[in-house]
Structure formats: structure tokens, C-alpha cells
Amino acid sequence: VFITSELLLITDYPMYHAYRLQVIADRH
């Protein structure tokens, strides 16, 4: 899960782009 899901957030993988933006907004 770490390799195929969470790690891809760092690379801004296209399928996770919206998710990545939401993660940044909710970081607090």
C-alpha cells in the first residue's frame, strides 16, 4: 500500500492529482 498508493503522492501521479491537492489542503 505504501509503494502503490501513498508513495505516488510525492510524484504527483496523474490518477492521484486531485487526492494530492486535497492532502495538501488538509495537512493541518
mmCIF file of all heavy atoms, coordinates in Angstrom:
data_MODEL
# 
_entry.id   MODEL 
# 
loop_
_atom_site.group_PDB 
_atom_site.id 
_atom_site.type_symbol 
_atom_site.label_atom_id 
_atom_site.label_alt_id 
_atom_site.label_comp_id 
_atom_site.label_asym_id 
_atom_site.label_entity_id 
_atom_site.label_seq_id 
_atom_site.pdbx_PDB_ins_code 
_atom_site.Cartn_x 
_atom_site.Cartn_y 
_atom_site.Cartn_z 
_atom_site.occupancy 
_atom_site.B_iso_or_equiv 
_atom_site.pdbx_formal_charge 
_atom_site.auth_seq_id 
_atom_site.auth_comp_id 
_atom_site.auth_asym_id 
_atom_site.auth_atom_id 
_atom_site.pdbx_PDB_model_num 
ATOM 1   N N   . VAL A 1 1  ? 0.834   -1.210 0.000   1.00 0.00 ? 1  VAL A N   1 
ATOM 2   C CA  . VAL A 1 1  ? 0.000   0.000  0.000   1.00 0.00 ? 1  VAL A CA  1 
ATOM 3   C C   . VAL A 1 1  ? 0.864   1.254  0.000   1.00 0.00 ? 1  VAL A C   1 
ATOM 4   O O   . VAL A 1 1  ? 0.575   2.226  -0.701  1.00 0.00 ? 1  VAL A O   1 
ATOM 5   C CB  . VAL A 1 1  ? -0.963  -0.006 1.203   1.00 0.00 ? 1  VAL A CB  1 
ATOM 6   C CG1 . VAL A 1 1  ? -1.638  1.346  1.377   1.00 0.00 ? 1  VAL A CG1 1 
ATOM 7   C CG2 . VAL A 1 1  ? -2.010  -1.103 1.028   1.00 0.00 ? 1  VAL A CG2 1 
ATOM 8   N N   . PHE A 1 2  ? 1.949   1.227  0.781   1.00 0.00 ? 2  PHE A N   1 
ATOM 9   C CA  . PHE A 1 2  ? 2.828   2.393  0.840   1.00 0.00 ? 2  PHE A CA  1 
ATOM 10  C C   . PHE A 1 2  ? 3.449   2.688  -0.528  1.00 0.00 ? 2  PHE A C   1 
ATOM 11  O O   . PHE A 1 2  ? 3.491   3.837  -0.977  1.00 0.00 ? 2  PHE A O   1 
ATOM 12  C CB  . PHE A 1 2  ? 3.945   2.156  1.861   1.00 0.00 ? 2  PHE A CB  1 
ATOM 13  C CG  . PHE A 1 2  ? 4.950   3.273  1.929   1.00 0.00 ? 2  PHE A CG  1 
ATOM 14  C CD1 . PHE A 1 2  ? 4.618   4.490  2.499   1.00 0.00 ? 2  PHE A CD1 1 
ATOM 15  C CD2 . PHE A 1 2  ? 6.222   3.105  1.399   1.00 0.00 ? 2  PHE A CD2 1 
ATOM 16  C CE1 . PHE A 1 2  ? 5.546   5.528  2.546   1.00 0.00 ? 2  PHE A CE1 1 
ATOM 17  C CE2 . PHE A 1 2  ? 7.145   4.125  1.440   1.00 0.00 ? 2  PHE A CE2 1 
ATOM 18  C CZ  . PHE A 1 2  ? 6.806   5.349  2.017   1.00 0.00 ? 2  PHE A CZ  1 
ATOM 19  N N   . ILE A 1 3  ? 3.900   1.637  -1.220  1.00 0.00 ? 3  ILE A N   1 
ATOM 20  C CA  . ILE A 1 3  ? 4.557   1.826  -2.511  1.00 0.00 ? 3  ILE A CA  1 
ATOM 21  C C   . ILE A 1 3  ? 3.558   2.216  -3.589  1.00 0.00 ? 3  ILE A C   1 
ATOM 22  O O   . ILE A 1 3  ? 3.821   3.111  -4.406  1.00 0.00 ? 3  ILE A O   1 
ATOM 23  C CB  . ILE A 1 3  ? 5.312   0.550  -2.915  1.00 0.00 ? 3  ILE A CB  1 
ATOM 24  C CG1 . ILE A 1 3  ? 6.485   0.303  -1.967  1.00 0.00 ? 3  ILE A CG1 1 
ATOM 25  C CG2 . ILE A 1 3  ? 5.815   0.643  -4.358  1.00 0.00 ? 3  ILE A CG2 1 
ATOM 26  C CD1 . ILE A 1 3  ? 7.202   -1.011 -2.199  1.00 0.00 ? 3  ILE A CD1 1 
ATOM 27  N N   . THR A 1 4  ? 2.408   1.554  -3.619  1.00 0.00 ? 4  THR A N   1 
ATOM 28  C CA  . THR A 1 4  ? 1.461   1.747  -4.720  1.00 0.00 ? 4  THR A CA  1 
ATOM 29  C C   . THR A 1 4  ? 0.463   2.861  -4.490  1.00 0.00 ? 4  THR A C   1 
ATOM 30  O O   . THR A 1 4  ? -0.245  3.245  -5.419  1.00 0.00 ? 4  THR A O   1 
ATOM 31  C CB  . THR A 1 4  ? 0.679   0.444  -4.972  1.00 0.00 ? 4  THR A CB  1 
ATOM 32  O OG1 . THR A 1 4  ? -0.067  0.101  -3.786  1.00 0.00 ? 4  THR A OG1 1 
ATOM 33  C CG2 . THR A 1 4  ? 1.609   -0.690 -5.345  1.00 0.00 ? 4  THR A CG2 1 
ATOM 34  N N   . SER A 1 5  ? 0.377   3.377  -3.294  1.00 0.00 ? 5  SER A N   1 
ATOM 35  C CA  . SER A 1 5  ? -0.623  4.403  -3.000  1.00 0.00 ? 5  SER A CA  1 
ATOM 36  C C   . SER A 1 5  ? 0.007   5.670  -2.460  1.00 0.00 ? 5  SER A C   1 
ATOM 37  O O   . SER A 1 5  ? 0.048   6.698  -3.125  1.00 0.00 ? 5  SER A O   1 
ATOM 38  C CB  . SER A 1 5  ? -1.667  3.860  -2.015  1.00 0.00 ? 5  SER A CB  1 
ATOM 39  O OG  . SER A 1 5  ? -2.642  4.831  -1.737  1.00 0.00 ? 5  SER A OG  1 
ATOM 40  N N   . GLU A 1 6  ? 0.515   5.593  -1.241  1.00 0.00 ? 6  GLU A N   1 
ATOM 41  C CA  . GLU A 1 6  ? 0.990   6.806  -0.579  1.00 0.00 ? 6  GLU A CA  1 
ATOM 42  C C   . GLU A 1 6  ? 2.254   7.372  -1.225  1.00 0.00 ? 6  GLU A C   1 
ATOM 43  O O   . GLU A 1 6  ? 2.416   8.592  -1.331  1.00 0.00 ? 6  GLU A O   1 
ATOM 44  C CB  . GLU A 1 6  ? 1.249   6.522  0.906   1.00 0.00 ? 6  GLU A CB  1 
ATOM 45  C CG  . GLU A 1 6  ? 0.056   5.886  1.624   1.00 0.00 ? 6  GLU A CG  1 
ATOM 46  C CD  . GLU A 1 6  ? -1.234  6.658  1.424   1.00 0.00 ? 6  GLU A CD  1 
ATOM 47  O OE1 . GLU A 1 6  ? -1.205  7.905  1.489   1.00 0.00 ? 6  GLU A OE1 1 
ATOM 48  O OE2 . GLU A 1 6  ? -2.282  6.024  1.183   1.00 0.00 ? 6  GLU A OE2 1 
ATOM 49  N N   . LEU A 1 7  ? 3.165   6.514  -1.675  1.00 0.00 ? 7  LEU A N   1 
ATOM 50  C CA  . LEU A 1 7  ? 4.411   6.987  -2.264  1.00 0.00 ? 7  LEU A CA  1 
ATOM 51  C C   . LEU A 1 7  ? 4.172   7.760  -3.548  1.00 0.00 ? 7  LEU A C   1 
ATOM 52  O O   . LEU A 1 7  ? 4.922   8.685  -3.895  1.00 0.00 ? 7  LEU A O   1 
ATOM 53  C CB  . LEU A 1 7  ? 5.350   5.800  -2.538  1.00 0.00 ? 7  LEU A CB  1 
ATOM 54  C CG  . LEU A 1 7  ? 6.824   6.137  -2.819  1.00 0.00 ? 7  LEU A CG  1 
ATOM 55  C CD1 . LEU A 1 7  ? 7.445   6.861  -1.620  1.00 0.00 ? 7  LEU A CD1 1 
ATOM 56  C CD2 . LEU A 1 7  ? 7.603   4.865  -3.127  1.00 0.00 ? 7  LEU A CD2 1 
ATOM 57  N N   . LEU A 1 8  ? 3.091   7.414  -4.266  1.00 0.00 ? 8  LEU A N   1 
ATOM 58  C CA  . LEU A 1 8  ? 2.788   8.087  -5.520  1.00 0.00 ? 8  LEU A CA  1 
ATOM 59  C C   . LEU A 1 8  ? 2.343   9.531  -5.318  1.00 0.00 ? 8  LEU A C   1 
ATOM 60  O O   . LEU A 1 8  ? 2.330   10.320 -6.263  1.00 0.00 ? 8  LEU A O   1 
ATOM 61  C CB  . LEU A 1 8  ? 1.702   7.301  -6.272  1.00 0.00 ? 8  LEU A CB  1 
ATOM 62  C CG  . LEU A 1 8  ? 2.136   5.931  -6.802  1.00 0.00 ? 8  LEU A CG  1 
ATOM 63  C CD1 . LEU A 1 8  ? 0.966   5.213  -7.444  1.00 0.00 ? 8  LEU A CD1 1 
ATOM 64  C CD2 . LEU A 1 8  ? 3.269   6.086  -7.807  1.00 0.00 ? 8  LEU A CD2 1 
ATOM 65  N N   . LEU A 1 9  ? 1.964   9.876  -4.089  1.00 0.00 ? 9  LEU A N   1 
ATOM 66  C CA  . LEU A 1 9  ? 1.586   11.266 -3.816  1.00 0.00 ? 9  LEU A CA  1 
ATOM 67  C C   . LEU A 1 9  ? 2.762   12.210 -4.024  1.00 0.00 ? 9  LEU A C   1 
ATOM 68  O O   . LEU A 1 9  ? 2.597   13.364 -4.418  1.00 0.00 ? 9  LEU A O   1 
ATOM 69  C CB  . LEU A 1 9  ? 1.079   11.394 -2.371  1.00 0.00 ? 9  LEU A CB  1 
ATOM 70  C CG  . LEU A 1 9  ? -0.286  10.767 -2.062  1.00 0.00 ? 9  LEU A CG  1 
ATOM 71  C CD1 . LEU A 1 9  ? -0.549  10.829 -0.575  1.00 0.00 ? 9  LEU A CD1 1 
ATOM 72  C CD2 . LEU A 1 9  ? -1.384  11.479 -2.830  1.00 0.00 ? 9  LEU A CD2 1 
ATOM 73  N N   . ILE A 1 10 ? 3.968   11.722 -3.741  1.00 0.00 ? 10 ILE A N   1 
ATOM 74  C CA  . ILE A 1 10 ? 5.163   12.550 -3.874  1.00 0.00 ? 10 ILE A CA  1 
ATOM 75  C C   . ILE A 1 10 ? 5.433   12.879 -5.345  1.00 0.00 ? 10 ILE A C   1 
ATOM 76  O O   . ILE A 1 10 ? 5.889   13.971 -5.683  1.00 0.00 ? 10 ILE A O   1 
ATOM 77  C CB  . ILE A 1 10 ? 6.381   11.846 -3.250  1.00 0.00 ? 10 ILE A CB  1 
ATOM 78  C CG1 . ILE A 1 10 ? 6.124   11.543 -1.777  1.00 0.00 ? 10 ILE A CG1 1 
ATOM 79  C CG2 . ILE A 1 10 ? 7.649   12.668 -3.412  1.00 0.00 ? 10 ILE A CG2 1 
ATOM 80  C CD1 . ILE A 1 10 ? 7.210   10.712 -1.123  1.00 0.00 ? 10 ILE A CD1 1 
ATOM 81  N N   . THR A 1 11 ? 5.137   11.934 -6.240  1.00 0.00 ? 11 THR A N   1 
ATOM 82  C CA  . THR A 1 11 ? 5.435   12.117 -7.660  1.00 0.00 ? 11 THR A CA  1 
ATOM 83  C C   . THR A 1 11 ? 4.306   12.781 -8.421  1.00 0.00 ? 11 THR A C   1 
ATOM 84  O O   . THR A 1 11 ? 4.431   13.039 -9.612  1.00 0.00 ? 11 THR A O   1 
ATOM 85  C CB  . THR A 1 11 ? 5.736   10.749 -8.295  1.00 0.00 ? 11 THR A CB  1 
ATOM 86  O OG1 . THR A 1 11 ? 4.571   9.902  -8.176  1.00 0.00 ? 11 THR A OG1 1 
ATOM 87  C CG2 . THR A 1 11 ? 6.901   10.077 -7.598  1.00 0.00 ? 11 THR A CG2 1 
ATOM 88  N N   . ASP A 1 12 ? 3.193   13.072 -7.756  1.00 0.00 ? 12 ASP A N   1 
ATOM 89  C CA  . ASP A 1 12 ? 2.026   13.671 -8.413  1.00 0.00 ? 12 ASP A CA  1 
ATOM 90  C C   . ASP A 1 12 ? 1.549   12.804 -9.576  1.00 0.00 ? 12 ASP A C   1 
ATOM 91  O O   . ASP A 1 12 ? 1.350   13.260 -10.700 1.00 0.00 ? 12 ASP A O   1 
ATOM 92  C CB  . ASP A 1 12 ? 2.338   15.091 -8.892  1.00 0.00 ? 12 ASP A CB  1 
ATOM 93  C CG  . ASP A 1 12 ? 1.044   15.891 -9.182  1.00 0.00 ? 12 ASP A CG  1 
ATOM 94  O OD1 . ASP A 1 12 ? -0.023  15.424 -8.751  1.00 0.00 ? 12 ASP A OD1 1 
ATOM 95  O OD2 . ASP A 1 12 ? 1.128   16.945 -9.822  1.00 0.00 ? 12 ASP A OD2 1 
ATOM 96  N N   . TYR A 1 13 ? 1.404   11.519 -9.288  1.00 0.00 ? 13 TYR A N   1 
ATOM 97  C CA  . TYR A 1 13 ? 0.881   10.563 -10.263 1.00 0.00 ? 13 TYR A CA  1 
ATOM 98  C C   . TYR A 1 13 ? -0.492  11.051 -10.742 1.00 0.00 ? 13 TYR A C   1 
ATOM 99  O O   . TYR A 1 13 ? -1.329  11.441 -9.915  1.00 0.00 ? 13 TYR A O   1 
ATOM 100 C CB  . TYR A 1 13 ? 0.775   9.194  -9.597  1.00 0.00 ? 13 TYR A CB  1 
ATOM 101 C CG  . TYR A 1 13 ? 0.413   8.050  -10.497 1.00 0.00 ? 13 TYR A CG  1 
ATOM 102 C CD1 . TYR A 1 13 ? 1.209   7.714  -11.591 1.00 0.00 ? 13 TYR A CD1 1 
ATOM 103 C CD2 . TYR A 1 13 ? -0.718  7.286  -10.239 1.00 0.00 ? 13 TYR A CD2 1 
ATOM 104 C CE1 . TYR A 1 13 ? 0.886   6.647  -12.409 1.00 0.00 ? 13 TYR A CE1 1 
ATOM 105 C CE2 . TYR A 1 13 ? -1.041  6.215  -11.046 1.00 0.00 ? 13 TYR A CE2 1 
ATOM 106 C CZ  . TYR A 1 13 ? -0.246  5.900  -12.134 1.00 0.00 ? 13 TYR A CZ  1 
ATOM 107 O OH  . TYR A 1 13 ? -0.566  4.850  -12.936 1.00 0.00 ? 13 TYR A OH  1 
ATOM 108 N N   . PRO A 1 14 ? -0.763  11.069 -12.071 1.00 0.00 ? 14 PRO A N   1 
ATOM 109 C CA  . PRO A 1 14 ? -1.997  11.674 -12.599 1.00 0.00 ? 14 PRO A CA  1 
ATOM 110 C C   . PRO A 1 14 ? -3.274  11.211 -11.916 1.00 0.00 ? 14 PRO A C   1 
ATOM 111 O O   . PRO A 1 14 ? -4.157  12.022 -11.618 1.00 0.00 ? 14 PRO A O   1 
ATOM 112 C CB  . PRO A 1 14 ? -1.971  11.245 -14.074 1.00 0.00 ? 14 PRO A CB  1 
ATOM 113 C CG  . PRO A 1 14 ? -0.529  11.113 -14.397 1.00 0.00 ? 14 PRO A CG  1 
ATOM 114 C CD  . PRO A 1 14 ? 0.115   10.580 -13.139 1.00 0.00 ? 14 PRO A CD  1 
ATOM 115 N N   . MET A 1 15 ? -3.394  9.910  -11.653 1.00 0.00 ? 15 MET A N   1 
ATOM 116 C CA  . MET A 1 15 ? -4.626  9.399  -11.052 1.00 0.00 ? 15 MET A CA  1 
ATOM 117 C C   . MET A 1 15 ? -4.826  9.933  -9.638  1.00 0.00 ? 15 MET A C   1 
ATOM 118 O O   . MET A 1 15 ? -5.934  9.972  -9.121  1.00 0.00 ? 15 MET A O   1 
ATOM 119 C CB  . MET A 1 15 ? -4.583  7.863  -11.037 1.00 0.00 ? 15 MET A CB  1 
ATOM 120 C CG  . MET A 1 15 ? -5.924  7.220  -10.689 1.00 0.00 ? 15 MET A CG  1 
ATOM 121 S SD  . MET A 1 15 ? -5.921  5.432  -10.954 1.00 0.00 ? 15 MET A SD  1 
ATOM 122 C CE  . MET A 1 15 ? -4.859  4.866  -9.646  1.00 0.00 ? 15 MET A CE  1 
ATOM 123 N N   . TYR A 1 16 ? -3.731  10.368 -8.990  1.00 0.00 ? 16 TYR A N   1 
ATOM 124 C CA  . TYR A 1 16 ? -3.804  10.844 -7.618  1.00 0.00 ? 16 TYR A CA  1 
ATOM 125 C C   . TYR A 1 16 ? -3.711  12.373 -7.519  1.00 0.00 ? 16 TYR A C   1 
ATOM 126 O O   . TYR A 1 16 ? -3.559  12.911 -6.429  1.00 0.00 ? 16 TYR A O   1 
ATOM 127 C CB  . TYR A 1 16 ? -2.666  10.234 -6.787  1.00 0.00 ? 16 TYR A CB  1 
ATOM 128 C CG  . TYR A 1 16 ? -2.821  8.757  -6.543  1.00 0.00 ? 16 TYR A CG  1 
ATOM 129 C CD1 . TYR A 1 16 ? -2.215  7.837  -7.396  1.00 0.00 ? 16 TYR A CD1 1 
ATOM 130 C CD2 . TYR A 1 16 ? -3.566  8.282  -5.466  1.00 0.00 ? 16 TYR A CD2 1 
ATOM 131 C CE1 . TYR A 1 16 ? -2.361  6.471  -7.165  1.00 0.00 ? 16 TYR A CE1 1 
ATOM 132 C CE2 . TYR A 1 16 ? -3.704  6.928  -5.239  1.00 0.00 ? 16 TYR A CE2 1 
ATOM 133 C CZ  . TYR A 1 16 ? -3.100  6.031  -6.100  1.00 0.00 ? 16 TYR A CZ  1 
ATOM 134 O OH  . TYR A 1 16 ? -3.238  4.685  -5.887  1.00 0.00 ? 16 TYR A OH  1 
ATOM 135 N N   . HIS A 1 17 ? -3.798  13.076 -8.661  1.00 0.00 ? 17 HIS A N   1 
ATOM 136 C CA  . HIS A 1 17 ? -3.573  14.521 -8.646  1.00 0.00 ? 17 HIS A CA  1 
ATOM 137 C C   . HIS A 1 17 ? -4.568  15.242 -7.719  1.00 0.00 ? 17 HIS A C   1 
ATOM 138 O O   . HIS A 1 17 ? -4.163  16.053 -6.864  1.00 0.00 ? 17 HIS A O   1 
ATOM 139 C CB  . HIS A 1 17 ? -3.672  15.083 -10.060 1.00 0.00 ? 17 HIS A CB  1 
ATOM 140 C CG  . HIS A 1 17 ? -3.434  16.559 -10.131 1.00 0.00 ? 17 HIS A CG  1 
ATOM 141 N ND1 . HIS A 1 17 ? -2.187  17.118 -9.912  1.00 0.00 ? 17 HIS A ND1 1 
ATOM 142 C CD2 . HIS A 1 17 ? -4.279  17.596 -10.363 1.00 0.00 ? 17 HIS A CD2 1 
ATOM 143 C CE1 . HIS A 1 17 ? -2.273  18.430 -10.016 1.00 0.00 ? 17 HIS A CE1 1 
ATOM 144 N NE2 . HIS A 1 17 ? -3.532  18.745 -10.297 1.00 0.00 ? 17 HIS A NE2 1 
ATOM 145 N N   . ALA A 1 18 ? -5.852  14.962 -7.892  1.00 0.00 ? 18 ALA A N   1 
ATOM 146 C CA  . ALA A 1 18 ? -6.859  15.627 -7.058  1.00 0.00 ? 18 ALA A CA  1 
ATOM 147 C C   . ALA A 1 18 ? -6.680  15.245 -5.588  1.00 0.00 ? 18 ALA A C   1 
ATOM 148 O O   . ALA A 1 18 ? -6.833  16.088 -4.692  1.00 0.00 ? 18 ALA A O   1 
ATOM 149 C CB  . ALA A 1 18 ? -8.261  15.254 -7.539  1.00 0.00 ? 18 ALA A CB  1 
ATOM 150 N N   . TYR A 1 19 ? -6.361  13.975 -5.362  1.00 0.00 ? 19 TYR A N   1 
ATOM 151 C CA  . TYR A 1 19 ? -6.141  13.491 -3.998  1.00 0.00 ? 19 TYR A CA  1 
ATOM 152 C C   . TYR A 1 19 ? -4.950  14.210 -3.370  1.00 0.00 ? 19 TYR A C   1 
ATOM 153 O O   . TYR A 1 19 ? -4.978  14.608 -2.205  1.00 0.00 ? 19 TYR A O   1 
ATOM 154 C CB  . TYR A 1 19 ? -5.921  11.980 -4.041  1.00 0.00 ? 19 TYR A CB  1 
ATOM 155 C CG  . TYR A 1 19 ? -5.640  11.320 -2.712  1.00 0.00 ? 19 TYR A CG  1 
ATOM 156 C CD1 . TYR A 1 19 ? -6.360  11.662 -1.572  1.00 0.00 ? 19 TYR A CD1 1 
ATOM 157 C CD2 . TYR A 1 19 ? -4.658  10.332 -2.607  1.00 0.00 ? 19 TYR A CD2 1 
ATOM 158 C CE1 . TYR A 1 19 ? -6.104  11.050 -0.351  1.00 0.00 ? 19 TYR A CE1 1 
ATOM 159 C CE2 . TYR A 1 19 ? -4.399  9.708  -1.398  1.00 0.00 ? 19 TYR A CE2 1 
ATOM 160 C CZ  . TYR A 1 19 ? -5.128  10.076 -0.286  1.00 0.00 ? 19 TYR A CZ  1 
ATOM 161 O OH  . TYR A 1 19 ? -4.871  9.473  0.920   1.00 0.00 ? 19 TYR A OH  1 
ATOM 162 N N   . ARG A 1 20 ? -3.891  14.408 -4.171  1.00 0.00 ? 20 ARG A N   1 
ATOM 163 C CA  . ARG A 1 20 ? -2.695  15.077 -3.678  1.00 0.00 ? 20 ARG A CA  1 
ATOM 164 C C   . ARG A 1 20 ? -3.009  16.518 -3.273  1.00 0.00 ? 20 ARG A C   1 
ATOM 165 O O   . ARG A 1 20 ? -2.548  16.998 -2.227  1.00 0.00 ? 20 ARG A O   1 
ATOM 166 C CB  . ARG A 1 20 ? -1.612  15.049 -4.755  1.00 0.00 ? 20 ARG A CB  1 
ATOM 167 C CG  . ARG A 1 20 ? -0.269  15.631 -4.330  1.00 0.00 ? 20 ARG A CG  1 
ATOM 168 C CD  . ARG A 1 20 ? 0.766   15.355 -5.413  1.00 0.00 ? 20 ARG A CD  1 
ATOM 169 N NE  . ARG A 1 20 ? 2.088   15.813 -5.009  1.00 0.00 ? 20 ARG A NE  1 
ATOM 170 C CZ  . ARG A 1 20 ? 2.595   16.995 -5.331  1.00 0.00 ? 20 ARG A CZ  1 
ATOM 171 N NH1 . ARG A 1 20 ? 1.877   17.843 -6.048  1.00 0.00 ? 20 ARG A NH1 1 
ATOM 172 N NH2 . ARG A 1 20 ? 3.811   17.337 -4.933  1.00 0.00 ? 20 ARG A NH2 1 
ATOM 173 N N   . LEU A 1 21 ? -3.774  17.218 -4.092  1.00 0.00 ? 21 LEU A N   1 
ATOM 174 C CA  . LEU A 1 21 ? -4.158  18.588 -3.766  1.00 0.00 ? 21 LEU A CA  1 
ATOM 175 C C   . LEU A 1 21 ? -4.987  18.643 -2.486  1.00 0.00 ? 21 LEU A C   1 
ATOM 176 O O   . LEU A 1 21 ? -4.838  19.561 -1.666  1.00 0.00 ? 21 LEU A O   1 
ATOM 177 C CB  . LEU A 1 21 ? -4.944  19.203 -4.934  1.00 0.00 ? 21 LEU A CB  1 
ATOM 178 C CG  . LEU A 1 21 ? -4.163  19.416 -6.232  1.00 0.00 ? 21 LEU A CG  1 
ATOM 179 C CD1 . LEU A 1 21 ? -5.083  19.974 -7.313  1.00 0.00 ? 21 LEU A CD1 1 
ATOM 180 C CD2 . LEU A 1 21 ? -2.979  20.348 -5.997  1.00 0.00 ? 21 LEU A CD2 1 
ATOM 181 N N   . GLN A 1 22 ? -5.870  17.642 -2.308  1.00 0.00 ? 22 GLN A N   1 
ATOM 182 C CA  . GLN A 1 22 ? -6.693  17.601 -1.097  1.00 0.00 ? 22 GLN A CA  1 
ATOM 183 C C   . GLN A 1 22 ? -5.831  17.335 0.132   1.00 0.00 ? 22 GLN A C   1 
ATOM 184 O O   . GLN A 1 22 ? -6.056  17.904 1.204   1.00 0.00 ? 22 GLN A O   1 
ATOM 185 C CB  . GLN A 1 22 ? -7.757  16.506 -1.230  1.00 0.00 ? 22 GLN A CB  1 
ATOM 186 C CG  . GLN A 1 22 ? -8.827  16.530 -0.148  1.00 0.00 ? 22 GLN A CG  1 
ATOM 187 C CD  . GLN A 1 22 ? -9.653  17.796 -0.216  1.00 0.00 ? 22 GLN A CD  1 
ATOM 188 O OE1 . GLN A 1 22 ? -10.322 18.054 -1.218  1.00 0.00 ? 22 GLN A OE1 1 
ATOM 189 N NE2 . GLN A 1 22 ? -9.623  18.586 0.842   1.00 0.00 ? 22 GLN A NE2 1 
ATOM 190 N N   . VAL A 1 23 ? -4.839  16.471 -0.012  1.00 0.00 ? 23 VAL A N   1 
ATOM 191 C CA  . VAL A 1 23 ? -3.916  16.174 1.085   1.00 0.00 ? 23 VAL A CA  1 
ATOM 192 C C   . VAL A 1 23 ? -3.181  17.432 1.518   1.00 0.00 ? 23 VAL A C   1 
ATOM 193 O O   . VAL A 1 23 ? -3.046  17.716 2.718   1.00 0.00 ? 23 VAL A O   1 
ATOM 194 C CB  . VAL A 1 23 ? -2.910  15.077 0.667   1.00 0.00 ? 23 VAL A CB  1 
ATOM 195 C CG1 . VAL A 1 23 ? -1.743  15.012 1.647   1.00 0.00 ? 23 VAL A CG1 1 
ATOM 196 C CG2 . VAL A 1 23 ? -3.611  13.724 0.592   1.00 0.00 ? 23 VAL A CG2 1 
ATOM 197 N N   . ILE A 1 24 ? -2.724  18.217 0.566   1.00 0.00 ? 24 ILE A N   1 
ATOM 198 C CA  . ILE A 1 24 ? -2.007  19.456 0.882   1.00 0.00 ? 24 ILE A CA  1 
ATOM 199 C C   . ILE A 1 24 ? -2.921  20.434 1.611   1.00 0.00 ? 24 ILE A C   1 
ATOM 200 O O   . ILE A 1 24 ? -2.521  21.074 2.595   1.00 0.00 ? 24 ILE A O   1 
ATOM 201 C CB  . ILE A 1 24 ? -1.442  20.090 -0.406  1.00 0.00 ? 24 ILE A CB  1 
ATOM 202 C CG1 . ILE A 1 24 ? -0.371  19.175 -1.011  1.00 0.00 ? 24 ILE A CG1 1 
ATOM 203 C CG2 . ILE A 1 24 ? -0.859  21.479 -0.117  1.00 0.00 ? 24 ILE A CG2 1 
ATOM 204 C CD1 . ILE A 1 24 ? 0.110   19.613 -2.382  1.00 0.00 ? 24 ILE A CD1 1 
ATOM 205 N N   . ALA A 1 25 ? -4.164  20.533 1.156   1.00 0.00 ? 25 ALA A N   1 
ATOM 206 C CA  . ALA A 1 25 ? -5.111  21.459 1.779   1.00 0.00 ? 25 ALA A CA  1 
ATOM 207 C C   . ALA A 1 25 ? -5.473  21.043 3.204   1.00 0.00 ? 25 ALA A C   1 
ATOM 208 O O   . ALA A 1 25 ? -5.719  21.896 4.065   1.00 0.00 ? 25 ALA A O   1 
ATOM 209 C CB  . ALA A 1 25 ? -6.375  21.549 0.926   1.00 0.00 ? 25 ALA A CB  1 
ATOM 210 N N   . ASP A 1 26 ? -5.479  19.739 3.454   1.00 0.00 ? 26 ASP A N   1 
ATOM 211 C CA  . ASP A 1 26 ? -5.903  19.225 4.764   1.00 0.00 ? 26 ASP A CA  1 
ATOM 212 C C   . ASP A 1 26 ? -4.731  18.885 5.683   1.00 0.00 ? 26 ASP A C   1 
ATOM 213 O O   . ASP A 1 26 ? -4.917  18.216 6.699   1.00 0.00 ? 26 ASP A O   1 
ATOM 214 C CB  . ASP A 1 26 ? -6.750  17.955 4.577   1.00 0.00 ? 26 ASP A CB  1 
ATOM 215 C CG  . ASP A 1 26 ? -8.090  18.245 3.925   1.00 0.00 ? 26 ASP A CG  1 
ATOM 216 O OD1 . ASP A 1 26 ? -8.561  19.387 4.043   1.00 0.00 ? 26 ASP A OD1 1 
ATOM 217 O OD2 . ASP A 1 26 ? -8.644  17.329 3.294   1.00 0.00 ? 26 ASP A OD2 1 
ATOM 218 N N   . ARG A 1 27 ? -3.543  19.353 5.356   1.00 0.00 ? 27 ARG A N   1 
ATOM 219 C CA  . ARG A 1 27 ? -2.348  18.908 6.071   1.00 0.00 ? 27 ARG A CA  1 
ATOM 220 C C   . ARG A 1 27 ? -2.384  19.218 7.568   1.00 0.00 ? 27 ARG A C   1 
ATOM 221 O O   . ARG A 1 27 ? -1.786  18.494 8.363   1.00 0.00 ? 27 ARG A O   1 
ATOM 222 C CB  . ARG A 1 27 ? -1.089  19.511 5.449   1.00 0.00 ? 27 ARG A CB  1 
ATOM 223 C CG  . ARG A 1 27 ? -1.021  21.020 5.461   1.00 0.00 ? 27 ARG A CG  1 
ATOM 224 C CD  . ARG A 1 27 ? 0.199   21.520 4.692   1.00 0.00 ? 27 ARG A CD  1 
ATOM 225 N NE  . ARG A 1 27 ? 0.304   22.959 4.640   1.00 0.00 ? 27 ARG A NE  1 
ATOM 226 C CZ  . ARG A 1 27 ? -0.336  23.737 3.779   1.00 0.00 ? 27 ARG A CZ  1 
ATOM 227 N NH1 . ARG A 1 27 ? -1.146  23.187 2.889   1.00 0.00 ? 27 ARG A NH1 1 
ATOM 228 N NH2 . ARG A 1 27 ? -0.180  25.049 3.795   1.00 0.00 ? 27 ARG A NH2 1 
ATOM 229 N N   . HIS A 1 28 ? -3.102  20.279 8.002   1.00 0.00 ? 28 HIS A N   1 
ATOM 230 C CA  . HIS A 1 28 ? -3.142  20.628 9.427   1.00 0.00 ? 28 HIS A CA  1 
ATOM 231 C C   . HIS A 1 28 ? -3.845  19.550 10.251  1.00 0.00 ? 28 HIS A C   1 
ATOM 232 O O   . HIS A 1 28 ? -3.556  19.371 11.435  1.00 0.00 ? 28 HIS A O   1 
ATOM 233 C CB  . HIS A 1 28 ? -3.829  21.978 9.627   1.00 0.00 ? 28 HIS A CB  1 
ATOM 234 C CG  . HIS A 1 28 ? -5.250  22.016 9.155   1.00 0.00 ? 28 HIS A CG  1 
ATOM 235 N ND1 . HIS A 1 28 ? -5.598  21.940 7.810   1.00 0.00 ? 28 HIS A ND1 1 
ATOM 236 C CD2 . HIS A 1 28 ? -6.424  22.097 9.851   1.00 0.00 ? 28 HIS A CD2 1 
ATOM 237 C CE1 . HIS A 1 28 ? -6.911  21.983 7.701   1.00 0.00 ? 28 HIS A CE1 1 
ATOM 238 N NE2 . HIS A 1 28 ? -7.425  22.073 8.905   1.00 0.00 ? 28 HIS A NE2 1 
# 
